[in-house]
């Protein structure tokens, strides 16, 4: 992605605030372990695709499948003890990686703490690159996935509406009426058809 070419040729390490990333994708409060693992897998695929080193910083009890200080599918995982400590943990992790670190967060306290010592990127900016992975949008994002599917379905719906809100219904009715009227014309004489029309008027 061109977005991260800004930081090259220096070795770039993205320190990603997973709490902010979850919030940006509509997941707030206590996130189930399964959802946290899904987010880590998306980050891992992103890191592979962009050939970047990524450290994911989560909050709370470490996940069994992604222990603190270990690698998970190619990305490093760190945990803050609580939300009160999260900003400090994020800043400390970013500072430990030196000049190549880019802290990605929506946490105002962390941004203020880190000052100008570390490059910063907003989660909203990061998502422009993160969300464009072709294989990421399906099962991994409960909300985003559904949105992508509905977007995929919208063009046919629009076409139906264009063909008509009113037109489509009229066409449907018109298509049915000529069929009903054509059959008698094919099978009846002209006088029978005229009689039938007279009956309808009566």
Protein backbone atom coordinates (compact mmCIF):
# COMPACT_ATOMS: atom_id res chain seq x y z
CA UNK A 1 0.00 0.00 0.00
CA UNK A 2 1.25 3.46 -0.87
CA UNK A 3 0.18 4.65 2.56
CA UNK A 4 3.09 2.88 4.22
CA UNK A 5 5.68 3.75 1.60
CA UNK A 6 5.89 7.06 3.44
CA UNK A 7 7.88 5.32 6.16
CA UNK A 8 10.24 3.36 3.92
CA UNK A 9 13.11 2.61 3.34
CA UNK A 10 13.45 2.68 7.14
CA UNK A 11 12.34 -0.50 8.93
CA UNK A 12 8.75 0.13 9.93
CA UNK A 13 7.11 -1.43 12.97
CA UNK A 14 3.40 -0.78 13.38
CA UNK A 15 2.27 -0.73 17.00
CA UNK A 16 -1.49 -1.21 16.65
CA UNK A 17 -3.90 -0.30 19.42
CA UNK A 18 -6.39 -3.16 19.00
CA UNK A 19 -8.80 -1.55 21.49
CA UNK A 20 -9.10 1.53 19.24
CA UNK A 21 -9.28 -0.65 16.13
CA UNK A 22 -12.14 -2.68 17.62
CA UNK A 23 -13.98 0.50 18.54
CA UNK A 24 -13.49 1.89 15.03
CA UNK A 25 -15.09 -1.25 13.57
CA UNK A 26 -18.10 -0.96 15.89
CA UNK A 27 -17.01 -3.38 18.64
CA UNK A 28 -17.08 -1.78 22.07
CA UNK A 29 -16.95 -2.94 25.67
CA UNK A 30 -15.79 -6.46 26.47
CA UNK A 31 -14.86 -8.16 23.19
CA UNK A 32 -15.32 -11.96 23.08
CA UNK A 33 -12.04 -13.93 22.64
CA UNK A 34 -13.22 -15.27 19.26
CA UNK A 35 -13.65 -11.70 17.92
CA UNK A 36 -10.26 -10.68 19.27
CA UNK A 37 -8.62 -13.64 17.52
CA UNK A 38 -10.40 -12.73 14.29
CA UNK A 39 -9.00 -9.21 14.51
CA UNK A 40 -5.50 -10.58 15.17
CA UNK A 41 -5.82 -12.84 12.11
CA UNK A 42 -6.80 -9.87 9.97
CA UNK A 43 -3.79 -7.94 11.28
CA UNK A 44 -1.56 -10.95 10.54
CA UNK A 45 -2.80 -11.13 6.93
CA UNK A 46 -2.35 -7.37 6.60
CA UNK A 47 1.25 -7.63 7.90
CA UNK A 48 2.02 -10.39 5.39
CA UNK A 49 0.44 -8.49 2.52
CA UNK A 50 2.25 -5.24 3.30
CA UNK A 51 5.48 -6.96 4.43
CA UNK A 52 5.45 -4.99 7.69
CA UNK A 53 6.27 -5.86 11.26
CA UNK A 54 3.19 -5.51 13.47
CA UNK A 55 2.79 -5.49 17.25
CA UNK A 56 -0.84 -5.78 18.36
CA UNK A 57 -1.56 -4.28 21.78
CA UNK A 58 -4.69 -5.63 23.46
CA UNK A 59 -6.14 -5.02 26.91
CA UNK A 60 -6.97 -7.46 29.68
CA UNK A 61 -6.28 -11.17 30.27
CA UNK A 62 -4.06 -12.68 27.56
CA UNK A 63 -5.82 -15.04 25.16
CA UNK A 64 -4.83 -18.72 25.36
CA UNK A 65 -4.16 -18.86 21.61
CA UNK A 66 -2.27 -15.55 21.59
CA UNK A 67 -0.13 -15.36 24.75
CA UNK A 68 1.56 -12.11 25.78
CA UNK A 69 5.02 -11.60 24.37
CA UNK A 70 4.59 -14.37 21.77
CA UNK A 71 3.98 -14.34 18.05
CA UNK A 72 0.53 -15.05 16.66
CA UNK A 73 0.55 -16.02 12.97
CA UNK A 74 3.56 -13.78 12.37
CA UNK A 75 2.65 -10.74 14.48
CA UNK A 76 3.76 -9.94 18.04
CA UNK A 77 1.11 -9.62 20.74
CA UNK A 78 1.25 -7.48 23.89
CA UNK A 79 -1.34 -6.79 26.59
CA UNK A 80 -2.03 -3.91 28.95
CA UNK A 81 -3.30 -4.90 32.40
CA UNK A 82 -6.31 -2.56 32.30
CA UNK A 83 -7.81 0.35 30.38
CA UNK A 84 -6.17 2.74 32.88
CA UNK A 85 -2.77 1.30 31.95
CA UNK A 86 -3.50 0.86 28.26
CA UNK A 87 -2.20 4.23 27.03
CA UNK A 88 1.08 3.81 28.95
CA UNK A 89 1.55 0.26 27.66
CA UNK A 90 0.92 1.41 24.09
CA UNK A 91 3.44 4.27 24.36
CA UNK A 92 6.07 2.10 26.07
CA UNK A 93 5.75 -0.56 23.35
CA UNK A 94 6.06 2.02 20.58
CA UNK A 95 9.06 3.74 22.19
CA UNK A 96 10.86 0.42 22.62
CA UNK A 97 10.91 0.00 18.83
CA UNK A 98 12.81 3.23 18.21
CA UNK A 99 12.66 5.45 15.14
CA UNK A 100 10.96 2.87 12.92
CA UNK A 101 7.85 2.66 15.13
CA UNK A 102 4.48 3.98 14.03
CA UNK A 103 1.83 4.03 16.74
CA UNK A 104 -1.66 3.46 15.38
CA UNK A 105 -4.33 4.49 17.85
CA UNK A 106 -7.42 6.54 18.51
CA UNK A 107 -6.45 6.93 22.18
CA UNK A 108 -6.01 10.64 22.88
CA UNK A 109 -4.12 9.97 26.14
CA UNK A 110 -1.59 7.76 24.34
CA UNK A 111 -1.09 10.34 21.57
CA UNK A 112 -0.48 13.02 24.14
CA UNK A 113 1.91 10.84 26.17
CA UNK A 114 4.06 9.80 23.23
CA UNK A 115 4.48 13.38 21.99
CA UNK A 116 6.76 13.70 18.97
CA UNK A 117 9.09 10.84 19.94
CA UNK A 118 7.19 8.32 17.80
CA UNK A 119 5.37 8.67 14.48
CA UNK A 120 1.62 8.47 14.92
CA UNK A 121 -1.24 7.45 12.69
CA UNK A 122 -4.95 7.66 13.40
CA UNK A 123 -6.97 4.44 13.28
CA UNK A 124 -9.31 6.04 10.73
CA UNK A 125 -6.34 6.58 8.37
CA UNK A 126 -4.96 3.10 9.01
CA UNK A 127 -8.30 1.52 8.15
CA UNK A 128 -8.10 2.88 4.58
CA UNK A 129 -5.30 0.38 4.01
CA UNK A 130 -6.45 -2.25 6.51
CA UNK A 131 -9.99 -2.60 5.15
CA UNK A 132 -8.98 -2.95 1.51
CA UNK A 133 -7.65 -6.51 1.79
CA UNK A 134 -9.82 -8.50 -0.62
CA UNK A 135 -10.06 -11.61 1.57
CA UNK A 136 -10.55 -9.77 4.87
CA UNK A 137 -14.07 -8.54 4.57
CA UNK A 138 -16.11 -11.74 4.77
CA UNK A 139 -16.24 -13.83 7.90
CA UNK A 140 -13.84 -11.76 9.94
CA UNK A 141 -16.02 -8.72 10.41
CA UNK A 142 -19.48 -9.40 11.67
CA UNK A 143 -20.71 -5.93 10.75
CA UNK A 144 -18.29 -5.04 8.02
CA UNK A 145 -18.80 -8.40 6.33
CA UNK A 146 -22.53 -7.97 6.19
CA UNK A 147 -22.13 -4.46 4.87
CA UNK A 148 -19.88 -5.72 2.10
CA UNK A 149 -22.38 -8.38 1.18
CA UNK A 150 -25.26 -5.94 1.14
CA UNK A 151 -23.17 -3.54 -0.97
CA UNK A 152 -22.62 -6.36 -3.39
CA UNK A 153 -26.37 -6.91 -3.55
CA UNK A 154 -27.32 -3.25 -3.85
CA UNK A 155 -26.65 -2.69 -7.57
CA UNK A 156 -29.23 -5.32 -8.68
CA UNK A 157 -31.74 -3.77 -6.25
CA UNK A 158 -31.10 -0.32 -7.69
CA UNK A 159 -31.61 -1.64 -11.18
CA UNK A 160 -34.93 -3.12 -10.17
CA UNK A 161 -36.00 0.19 -8.68
CA UNK A 162 -34.85 2.11 -11.76
CA UNK A 163 -36.73 -0.24 -14.02
CA UNK A 164 -39.19 0.80 -11.89
CA UNK A 165 -40.43 1.89 -8.68
CA UNK A 166 -43.49 2.53 -10.79
CA UNK A 167 -42.34 1.18 -14.15
CA UNK A 168 -41.50 -2.29 -13.01
CA UNK A 169 -44.89 -2.76 -11.42
CA UNK A 170 -46.61 -1.36 -14.49
CA UNK A 171 -44.49 -3.50 -16.78
CA UNK A 172 -45.37 -6.50 -14.71
CA UNK A 173 -49.05 -5.69 -14.96
CA UNK A 174 -48.81 -4.80 -18.65
CA UNK A 175 -46.93 -8.01 -19.37
CA UNK A 176 -49.63 -10.01 -17.67
CA UNK A 177 -52.53 -8.19 -19.31
CA UNK A 178 -51.35 -8.60 -22.92
CA UNK A 179 -50.75 -12.29 -22.28
CA UNK A 180 -54.30 -12.65 -20.99
CA UNK A 181 -55.65 -10.62 -23.91
CA UNK A 182 -53.47 -12.20 -26.58
CA UNK A 183 -54.58 -15.72 -25.78
CA UNK A 184 -58.25 -15.04 -26.52
CA UNK A 185 -57.28 -13.29 -29.77
CA UNK A 186 -55.25 -16.29 -30.90
CA UNK A 187 -57.88 -18.83 -29.91
CA UNK A 188 -61.12 -16.88 -30.60
CA UNK A 189 -62.69 -15.20 -33.56
CA UNK A 190 -62.83 -11.40 -33.61
CA UNK A 191 -66.54 -11.41 -32.76
CA UNK A 192 -65.89 -13.57 -29.66
CA UNK A 193 -63.19 -11.16 -28.51
CA UNK A 194 -65.55 -8.19 -28.98
CA UNK A 195 -68.26 -9.99 -27.00
CA UNK A 196 -65.82 -10.68 -24.21
CA UNK A 197 -64.86 -7.01 -24.03
CA UNK A 198 -68.52 -6.02 -23.90
CA UNK A 199 -69.03 -8.47 -21.01
CA UNK A 200 -66.14 -6.88 -19.16
CA UNK A 201 -67.63 -3.41 -19.53
CA UNK A 202 -71.02 -4.60 -18.27
